[in-house]
Amino acid sequence: MCLQRLGRVLSVTPSQNVVVKVGKPPKMGAAVIDENLKVIGRVFDIIGPVSSPYAVIRPSVKNAEKLANRQLYVSPSKKERS
């Protein structure tokens, strides 16, 4: 499995969404994976300026606060790997 680095978690919002500073914006709905290869959620939104985007992740795990300051990854779709 080839992973692409998404970025480091900056914060968790009061609604439990996870905000990540990204270099290259991922596809909407892309699965987000932690360093243990566990799917922790999906890309819900891309916000901020084009030159400095942020990804908003809707977590599928409980206690999203535990993700603070952790590195997250995305798995490229089959189309992107070809």
PDB file of N, CA and C in Angstrom:
ATOM      1  N   MET A   1       0.850  -1.180   0.000  1.00  0.00           N
ATOM      2  CA  MET A   1       0.000   0.000   0.000  1.00  0.00           C
ATOM      3  C   MET A   1       0.892   1.238   0.000  1.00  0.00           C
ATOM      4  N   CYS A   2       0.648   2.134  -0.913  1.00  0.00           N
ATOM      5  CA  CYS A   2       1.417   3.368  -1.025  1.00  0.00           C
ATOM      6  C   CYS A   2       0.619   4.501  -0.388  1.00  0.00           C
ATOM      7  N   LEU A   3       1.203   5.157   0.598  1.00  0.00           N
ATOM      8  CA  LEU A   3       0.510   6.246   1.285  1.00  0.00           C
ATOM      9  C   LEU A   3       1.128   7.578   0.913  1.00  0.00           C
ATOM     10  N   GLN A   4       0.300   8.606   0.906  1.00  0.00           N
ATOM     11  CA  GLN A   4       0.779   9.966   0.712  1.00  0.00           C
ATOM     12  C   GLN A   4       0.579  10.714   2.020  1.00  0.00           C
ATOM     13  N   ARG A   5       1.589  11.466   2.415  1.00  0.00           N
ATOM     14  CA  ARG A   5       1.463  12.235   3.647  1.00  0.00           C
ATOM     15  C   ARG A   5       0.434  13.333   3.447  1.00  0.00           C
ATOM     16  N   LEU A   6      -0.526  13.417   4.356  1.00  0.00           N
ATOM     17  CA  LEU A   6      -1.544  14.466   4.303  1.00  0.00           C
ATOM     18  C   LEU A   6      -1.045  15.690   5.053  1.00  0.00           C
ATOM     19  N   GLY A   7      -0.659  15.504   6.304  1.00  0.00           N
ATOM     20  CA  GLY A   7      -0.172  16.610   7.118  1.00  0.00           C
ATOM     21  C   GLY A   7      -0.377  16.325   8.591  1.00  0.00           C
ATOM     22  N   ARG A   8      -0.003  17.302   9.408  1.00  0.00           N
ATOM     23  CA  ARG A   8      -0.112  17.156  10.857  1.00  0.00           C
ATOM     24  C   ARG A   8      -1.396  17.815  11.340  1.00  0.00           C
ATOM     25  N   VAL A   9      -2.054  17.164  12.290  1.00  0.00           N
ATOM     26  CA  VAL A   9      -3.301  17.686  12.854  1.00  0.00           C
ATOM     27  C   VAL A   9      -3.004  18.975  13.614  1.00  0.00           C
ATOM     28  N   LEU A  10      -3.716  20.044  13.242  1.00  0.00           N
ATOM     29  CA  LEU A  10      -3.548  21.326  13.926  1.00  0.00           C
ATOM     30  C   LEU A  10      -4.515  21.469  15.089  1.00  0.00           C
ATOM     31  N   SER A  11      -5.765  21.059  14.858  1.00  0.00           N
ATOM     32  CA  SER A  11      -6.761  21.215  15.916  1.00  0.00           C
ATOM     33  C   SER A  11      -7.953  20.303  15.676  1.00  0.00           C
ATOM     34  N   VAL A  12      -8.746  20.184  16.720  1.00  0.00           N
ATOM     35  CA  VAL A  12     -10.020  19.472  16.655  1.00  0.00           C
ATOM     36  C   VAL A  12     -11.088  20.487  17.030  1.00  0.00           C
ATOM     37  N   THR A  13     -12.075  20.654  16.148  1.00  0.00           N
ATOM     38  CA  THR A  13     -13.112  21.659  16.364  1.00  0.00           C
ATOM     39  C   THR A  13     -14.101  21.200  17.436  1.00  0.00           C
ATOM     40  N   PRO A  14     -14.909  22.110  17.965  1.00  0.00           N
ATOM     41  CA  PRO A  14     -15.924  21.718  18.948  1.00  0.00           C
ATOM     42  C   PRO A  14     -16.900  20.660  18.411  1.00  0.00           C
ATOM     43  N   SER A  15     -17.084  20.632  17.087  1.00  0.00           N
ATOM     44  CA  SER A  15     -17.978  19.620  16.490  1.00  0.00           C
ATOM     45  C   SER A  15     -17.225  18.332  16.181  1.00  0.00           C
ATOM     46  N   GLN A  16     -15.991  18.201  16.710  1.00  0.00           N
ATOM     47  CA  GLN A  16     -15.145  17.009  16.596  1.00  0.00           C
ATOM     48  C   GLN A  16     -14.556  16.782  15.210  1.00  0.00           C
ATOM     49  N   ASN A  17     -14.596  17.784  14.317  1.00  0.00           N
ATOM     50  CA  ASN A  17     -13.901  17.664  13.041  1.00  0.00           C
ATOM     51  C   ASN A  17     -12.422  17.949  13.264  1.00  0.00           C
ATOM     52  N   VAL A  18     -11.574  17.332  12.448  1.00  0.00           N
ATOM     53  CA  VAL A  18     -10.130  17.454  12.587  1.00  0.00           C
ATOM     54  C   VAL A  18      -9.606  18.350  11.466  1.00  0.00           C
ATOM     55  N   VAL A  19      -8.786  19.354  11.811  1.00  0.00           N
ATOM     56  CA  VAL A  19      -8.233  20.285  10.829  1.00  0.00           C
ATOM     57  C   VAL A  19      -6.752  19.965  10.640  1.00  0.00           C
ATOM     58  N   VAL A  20      -6.366  19.785   9.354  1.00  0.00           N
ATOM     59  CA  VAL A  20      -4.997  19.414   9.014  1.00  0.00           C
ATOM     60  C   VAL A  20      -4.457  20.398   7.984  1.00  0.00           C
ATOM     61  N   LYS A  21      -3.261  20.941   8.221  1.00  0.00           N
ATOM     62  CA  LYS A  21      -2.582  21.789   7.236  1.00  0.00           C
ATOM     63  C   LYS A  21      -1.987  20.869   6.185  1.00  0.00           C
ATOM     64  N   VAL A  22      -2.346  21.090   4.918  1.00  0.00           N
ATOM     65  CA  VAL A  22      -1.886  20.197   3.849  1.00  0.00           C
ATOM     66  C   VAL A  22      -1.049  20.966   2.830  1.00  0.00           C
ATOM     67  N   GLY A  23      -0.174  20.243   2.152  1.00  0.00           N
ATOM     68  CA  GLY A  23       0.604  20.826   1.064  1.00  0.00           C
ATOM     69  C   GLY A  23      -0.178  20.737  -0.234  1.00  0.00           C
ATOM     70  N   LYS A  24      -0.592  19.532  -0.577  1.00  0.00           N
ATOM     71  CA  LYS A  24      -1.381  19.275  -1.778  1.00  0.00           C
ATOM     72  C   LYS A  24      -2.755  18.780  -1.326  1.00  0.00           C
ATOM     73  N   PRO A  25      -3.818  19.486  -1.691  1.00  0.00           N
ATOM     74  CA  PRO A  25      -5.148  19.079  -1.235  1.00  0.00           C
ATOM     75  C   PRO A  25      -5.517  17.683  -1.735  1.00  0.00           C
ATOM     76  N   PRO A  26      -6.053  16.838  -0.849  1.00  0.00           N
ATOM     77  CA  PRO A  26      -6.491  15.506  -1.246  1.00  0.00           C
ATOM     78  C   PRO A  26      -7.860  15.562  -1.921  1.00  0.00           C
ATOM     79  N   LYS A  27      -8.287  14.462  -2.470  1.00  0.00           N
ATOM     80  CA  LYS A  27      -9.626  14.362  -3.068  1.00  0.00           C
ATOM     81  C   LYS A  27     -10.668  14.359  -1.953  1.00  0.00           C
ATOM     82  N   MET A  28     -11.811  14.955  -2.235  1.00  0.00           N
ATOM     83  CA  MET A  28     -12.923  14.927  -1.283  1.00  0.00           C
ATOM     84  C   MET A  28     -13.354  13.478  -1.086  1.00  0.00           C
ATOM     85  N   GLY A  29     -13.588  13.098   0.157  1.00  0.00           N
ATOM     86  CA  GLY A  29     -14.019  11.744   0.466  1.00  0.00           C
ATOM     87  C   GLY A  29     -12.882  10.747   0.604  1.00  0.00           C
ATOM     88  N   ALA A  30     -11.637  11.186   0.417  1.00  0.00           N
ATOM     89  CA  ALA A  30     -10.488  10.282   0.532  1.00  0.00           C
ATOM     90  C   ALA A  30     -10.376   9.759   1.960  1.00  0.00           C
ATOM     91  N   ALA A  31     -10.010   8.484   2.086  1.00  0.00           N
ATOM     92  CA  ALA A  31      -9.816   7.881   3.402  1.00  0.00           C
ATOM     93  C   ALA A  31      -8.547   8.443   4.030  1.00  0.00           C
ATOM     94  N   VAL A  32      -8.640   8.790   5.311  1.00  0.00           N
ATOM     95  CA  VAL A  32      -7.505   9.329   6.055  1.00  0.00           C
ATOM     96  C   VAL A  32      -7.044   8.257   7.039  1.00  0.00           C
ATOM     97  N   ILE A  33      -5.717   8.038   7.062  1.00  0.00           N
ATOM     98  CA  ILE A  33      -5.127   6.930   7.802  1.00  0.00           C
ATOM     99  C   ILE A  33      -4.080   7.477   8.770  1.00  0.00           C
ATOM    100  N   ASP A  34      -3.964   6.847   9.942  1.00  0.00           N
ATOM    101  CA  ASP A  34      -2.920   7.255  10.884  1.00  0.00           C
ATOM    102  C   ASP A  34      -1.656   6.423  10.668  1.00  0.00           C
ATOM    103  N   GLU A  35      -0.651   6.627  11.516  1.00  0.00           N
ATOM    104  CA  GLU A  35       0.626   5.921  11.340  1.00  0.00           C
ATOM    105  C   GLU A  35       0.523   4.420  11.566  1.00  0.00           C
ATOM    106  N   ASN A  36      -0.557   3.956  12.188  1.00  0.00           N
ATOM    107  CA  ASN A  36      -0.779   2.525  12.419  1.00  0.00           C
ATOM    108  C   ASN A  36      -1.634   1.888  11.320  1.00  0.00           C
ATOM    109  N   LEU A  37      -1.849   2.618  10.223  1.00  0.00           N
ATOM    110  CA  LEU A  37      -2.656   2.186   9.072  1.00  0.00           C
ATOM    111  C   LEU A  37      -4.116   1.964   9.422  1.00  0.00           C
ATOM    112  N   LYS A  38      -4.590   2.664  10.445  1.00  0.00           N
ATOM    113  CA  LYS A  38      -5.995   2.595  10.839  1.00  0.00           C
ATOM    114  C   LYS A  38      -6.733   3.767  10.195  1.00  0.00           C
ATOM    115  N   VAL A  39      -7.846   3.476   9.523  1.00  0.00           N
ATOM    116  CA  VAL A  39      -8.649   4.546   8.927  1.00  0.00           C
ATOM    117  C   VAL A  39      -9.315   5.314  10.054  1.00  0.00           C
ATOM    118  N   ILE A  40      -9.050   6.614  10.097  1.00  0.00           N
ATOM    119  CA  ILE A  40      -9.600   7.425  11.186  1.00  0.00           C
ATOM    120  C   ILE A  40     -10.721   8.347  10.717  1.00  0.00           C
ATOM    121  N   GLY A  41     -10.945   8.437   9.405  1.00  0.00           N
ATOM    122  CA  GLY A  41     -12.025   9.275   8.896  1.00  0.00           C
ATOM    123  C   GLY A  41     -11.875   9.527   7.411  1.00  0.00           C
ATOM    124  N   ARG A  42     -12.634  10.515   6.926  1.00  0.00           N
ATOM    125  CA  ARG A  42     -12.622  10.875   5.510  1.00  0.00           C
ATOM    126  C   ARG A  42     -12.523  12.389   5.354  1.00  0.00           C
ATOM    127  N   VAL A  43     -11.936  12.818   4.229  1.00  0.00           N
ATOM    128  CA  VAL A  43     -11.834  14.245   3.932  1.00  0.00           C
ATOM    129  C   VAL A  43     -13.243  14.772   3.688  1.00  0.00           C
ATOM    130  N   PHE A  44     -13.619  15.771   4.480  1.00  0.00           N
ATOM    131  CA  PHE A  44     -14.959  16.334   4.436  1.00  0.00           C
ATOM    132  C   PHE A  44     -14.993  17.650   3.672  1.00  0.00           C
ATOM    133  N   ASP A  45     -13.905  18.446   3.782  1.00  0.00           N
ATOM    134  CA  ASP A  45     -13.883  19.769   3.163  1.00  0.00           C
ATOM    135  C   ASP A  45     -12.443  20.236   3.021  1.00  0.00           C
ATOM    136  N   ILE A  46     -12.216  21.130   2.079  1.00  0.00           N
ATOM    137  CA  ILE A  46     -10.939  21.809   1.917  1.00  0.00           C
ATOM    138  C   ILE A  46     -11.229  23.296   2.119  1.00  0.00           C
ATOM    139  N   ILE A  47     -10.489  23.933   3.033  1.00  0.00           N
ATOM    140  CA  ILE A  47     -10.744  25.336   3.346  1.00  0.00           C
ATOM    141  C   ILE A  47      -9.445  26.129   3.257  1.00  0.00           C
ATOM    142  N   GLY A  48      -9.555  27.444   3.286  1.00  0.00           N
ATOM    143  CA  GLY A  48      -8.406  28.325   3.282  1.00  0.00           C
ATOM    144  C   GLY A  48      -8.010  28.738   1.886  1.00  0.00           C
ATOM    145  N   PRO A  49      -6.943  29.529   1.794  1.00  0.00           N
ATOM    146  CA  PRO A  49      -6.491  30.002   0.486  1.00  0.00           C
ATOM    147  C   PRO A  49      -5.855  28.866  -0.324  1.00  0.00           C
ATOM    148  N   VAL A  50      -5.865  29.015  -1.636  1.00  0.00           N
ATOM    149  CA  VAL A  50      -5.302  28.005  -2.524  1.00  0.00           C
ATOM    150  C   VAL A  50      -3.819  27.784  -2.222  1.00  0.00           C
ATOM    151  N   SER A  51      -3.121  28.836  -1.877  1.00  0.00           N
ATOM    152  CA  SER A  51      -1.692  28.733  -1.614  1.00  0.00           C
ATOM    153  C   SER A  51      -1.358  28.071  -0.275  1.00  0.00           C
ATOM    154  N   SER A  52      -2.332  27.960   0.619  1.00  0.00           N
ATOM    155  CA  SER A  52      -2.094  27.397   1.944  1.00  0.00           C
ATOM    156  C   SER A  52      -3.369  26.700   2.446  1.00  0.00           C
ATOM    157  N   PRO A  53      -3.736  25.561   1.836  1.00  0.00           N
ATOM    158  CA  PRO A  53      -5.019  24.922   2.166  1.00  0.00           C
ATOM    159  C   PRO A  53      -4.991  24.099   3.454  1.00  0.00           C
ATOM    160  N   TYR A  54      -6.166  23.868   3.972  1.00  0.00           N
ATOM    161  CA  TYR A  54      -6.390  23.012   5.130  1.00  0.00           C
ATOM    162  C   TYR A  54      -7.447  21.984   4.752  1.00  0.00           C
ATOM    163  N   ALA A  55      -7.289  20.766   5.244  1.00  0.00           N
ATOM    164  CA  ALA A  55      -8.294  19.730   5.032  1.00  0.00           C
ATOM    165  C   ALA A  55      -9.078  19.569   6.324  1.00  0.00           C
ATOM    166  N   VAL A  56     -10.388  19.421   6.189  1.00  0.00           N
ATOM    167  CA  VAL A  56     -11.246  19.143   7.334  1.00  0.00           C
ATOM    168  C   VAL A  56     -11.634  17.672   7.238  1.00  0.00           C
ATOM    169  N   ILE A  57     -11.325  16.926   8.282  1.00  0.00           N
ATOM    170  CA  ILE A  57     -11.576  15.494   8.323  1.00  0.00           C
ATOM    171  C   ILE A  57     -12.753  15.229   9.240  1.00  0.00           C
ATOM    172  N   ARG A  58     -13.702  14.441   8.762  1.00  0.00           N
ATOM    173  CA  ARG A  58     -14.790  13.991   9.628  1.00  0.00           C
ATOM    174  C   ARG A  58     -14.366  12.632  10.181  1.00  0.00           C
ATOM    175  N   PRO A  59     -13.993  12.579  11.466  1.00  0.00           N
ATOM    176  CA  PRO A  59     -13.455  11.336  12.020  1.00  0.00           C
ATOM    177  C   PRO A  59     -14.513  10.252  12.197  1.00  0.00           C
ATOM    178  N   SER A  60     -14.063   9.006  12.057  1.00  0.00           N
ATOM    179  CA  SER A  60     -14.924   7.848  12.299  1.00  0.00           C
ATOM    180  C   SER A  60     -14.518   7.168  13.604  1.00  0.00           C
ATOM    181  N   VAL A  61     -13.627   7.810  14.355  1.00  0.00           N
ATOM    182  CA  VAL A  61     -13.167   7.273  15.632  1.00  0.00           C
ATOM    183  C   VAL A  61     -13.701   8.133  16.764  1.00  0.00           C
ATOM    184  N   LYS A  62     -13.803   7.536  17.938  1.00  0.00           N
ATOM    185  CA  LYS A  62     -14.206   8.299  19.121  1.00  0.00           C
ATOM    186  C   LYS A  62     -12.979   9.005  19.672  1.00  0.00           C
ATOM    187  N   ASN A  63     -13.192  10.039  20.448  1.00  0.00           N
ATOM    188  CA  ASN A  63     -12.104  10.797  21.074  1.00  0.00           C
ATOM    189  C   ASN A  63     -11.145  11.373  20.041  1.00  0.00           C
ATOM    190  N   ALA A  64     -11.677  12.162  19.119  1.00  0.00           N
ATOM    191  CA  ALA A  64     -10.851  12.774  18.075  1.00  0.00           C
ATOM    192  C   ALA A  64      -9.768  13.668  18.668  1.00  0.00           C
ATOM    193  N   GLU A  65      -9.930  14.123  19.913  1.00  0.00           N
ATOM    194  CA  GLU A  65      -8.930  14.972  20.555  1.00  0.00           C
ATOM    195  C   GLU A  65      -7.566  14.267  20.643  1.00  0.00           C
ATOM    196  N   LYS A  66      -7.582  12.953  20.682  1.00  0.00           N
ATOM    197  CA  LYS A  66      -6.340  12.180  20.781  1.00  0.00           C
ATOM    198  C   LYS A  66      -5.513  12.260  19.498  1.00  0.00           C
ATOM    199  N   LEU A  67      -6.097  12.766  18.424  1.00  0.00           N
ATOM    200  CA  LEU A  67      -5.383  12.893  17.153  1.00  0.00           C
ATOM    201  C   LEU A  67      -4.529  14.157  17.089  1.00  0.00           C
ATOM    202  N   ALA A  68      -4.660  15.031  18.064  1.00  0.00           N
ATOM    203  CA  ALA A  68      -3.945  16.312  18.050  1.00  0.00           C
ATOM    204  C   ALA A  68      -2.444  16.115  17.852  1.00  0.00           C
ATOM    205  N   ASN A  69      -1.889  16.878  16.918  1.00  0.00           N
ATOM    206  CA  ASN A  69      -0.458  16.907  16.606  1.00  0.00           C
ATOM    207  C   ASN A  69       0.079  15.608  15.997  1.00  0.00           C
ATOM    208  N   ARG A  70      -0.790  14.709  15.534  1.00  0.00           N
ATOM    209  CA  ARG A  70      -0.339  13.466  14.897  1.00  0.00           C
ATOM    210  C   ARG A  70      -0.265  13.635  13.389  1.00  0.00           C
ATOM    211  N   GLN A  71       0.624  12.884  12.776  1.00  0.00           N
ATOM    212  CA  GLN A  71       0.779  12.888  11.317  1.00  0.00           C
ATOM    213  C   GLN A  71      -0.291  11.971  10.718  1.00  0.00           C
ATOM    214  N   LEU A  72      -0.970  12.452   9.676  1.00  0.00           N
ATOM    215  CA  LEU A  72      -1.988  11.658   9.005  1.00  0.00           C
ATOM    216  C   LEU A  72      -1.619  11.464   7.540  1.00  0.00           C
ATOM    217  N   TYR A  73      -2.198  10.436   6.932  1.00  0.00           N
ATOM    218  CA  TYR A  73      -1.886  10.061   5.553  1.00  0.00           C
ATOM    219  C   TYR A  73      -3.175   9.788   4.797  1.00  0.00           C
ATOM    220  N   VAL A  74      -3.094   9.816   3.465  1.00  0.00           N
ATOM    221  CA  VAL A  74      -4.211   9.394   2.613  1.00  0.00           C
ATOM    222  C   VAL A  74      -3.702   8.298   1.689  1.00  0.00           C
ATOM    223  N   SER A  75      -4.595   7.424   1.330  1.00  0.00           N
ATOM    224  CA  SER A  75      -4.265   6.377   0.383  1.00  0.00           C
ATOM    225  C   SER A  75      -4.771   6.823  -0.979  1.00  0.00           C
ATOM    226  N   PRO A  76      -3.879   6.952  -1.968  1.00  0.00           N
ATOM    227  CA  PRO A  76      -4.331   7.405  -3.288  1.00  0.00           C
ATOM    228  C   PRO A  76      -5.296   6.404  -3.904  1.00  0.00           C
ATOM    229  N   SER A  77      -6.230   6.931  -4.677  1.00  0.00           N
ATOM    230  CA  SER A  77      -7.210   6.062  -5.330  1.00  0.00           C
ATOM    231  C   SER A  77      -6.514   5.203  -6.371  1.00  0.00           C
ATOM    232  N   LYS A  78      -7.170   4.138  -6.821  1.00  0.00           N
ATOM    233  CA  LYS A  78      -6.606   3.253  -7.842  1.00  0.00           C
ATOM    234  C   LYS A  78      -6.319   4.002  -9.118  1.00  0.00           C
ATOM    235  N   LYS A  79      -7.151   4.972  -9.466  1.00  0.00           N
ATOM    236  CA  LYS A  79      -6.952   5.742 -10.680  1.00  0.00           C
ATOM    237  C   LYS A  79      -5.647   6.535 -10.609  1.00  0.00           C
ATOM    238  N   GLU A  80      -5.320   7.090  -9.431  1.00  0.00           N
ATOM    239  CA  GLU A  80      -4.119   7.899  -9.278  1.00  0.00           C
ATOM    240  C   GLU A  80      -2.861   7.056  -9.334  1.00  0.00           C
ATOM    241  N   ARG A  81      -2.937   5.773  -8.916  1.00  0.00           N
ATOM    242  CA  ARG A  81      -1.766   4.907  -8.905  1.00  0.00           C
ATOM    243  C   ARG A  81      -1.419   4.395 -10.296  1.00  0.00           C
ATOM    244  N   SER A  82      -2.361   4.358 -11.209  1.00  0.00           N
ATOM    245  CA  SER A  82      -2.114   3.802 -12.546  1.00  0.00           C
ATOM    246  C   SER A  82      -1.271   4.731 -13.386  1.00  0.00           C
TER     247      SER A  82
END
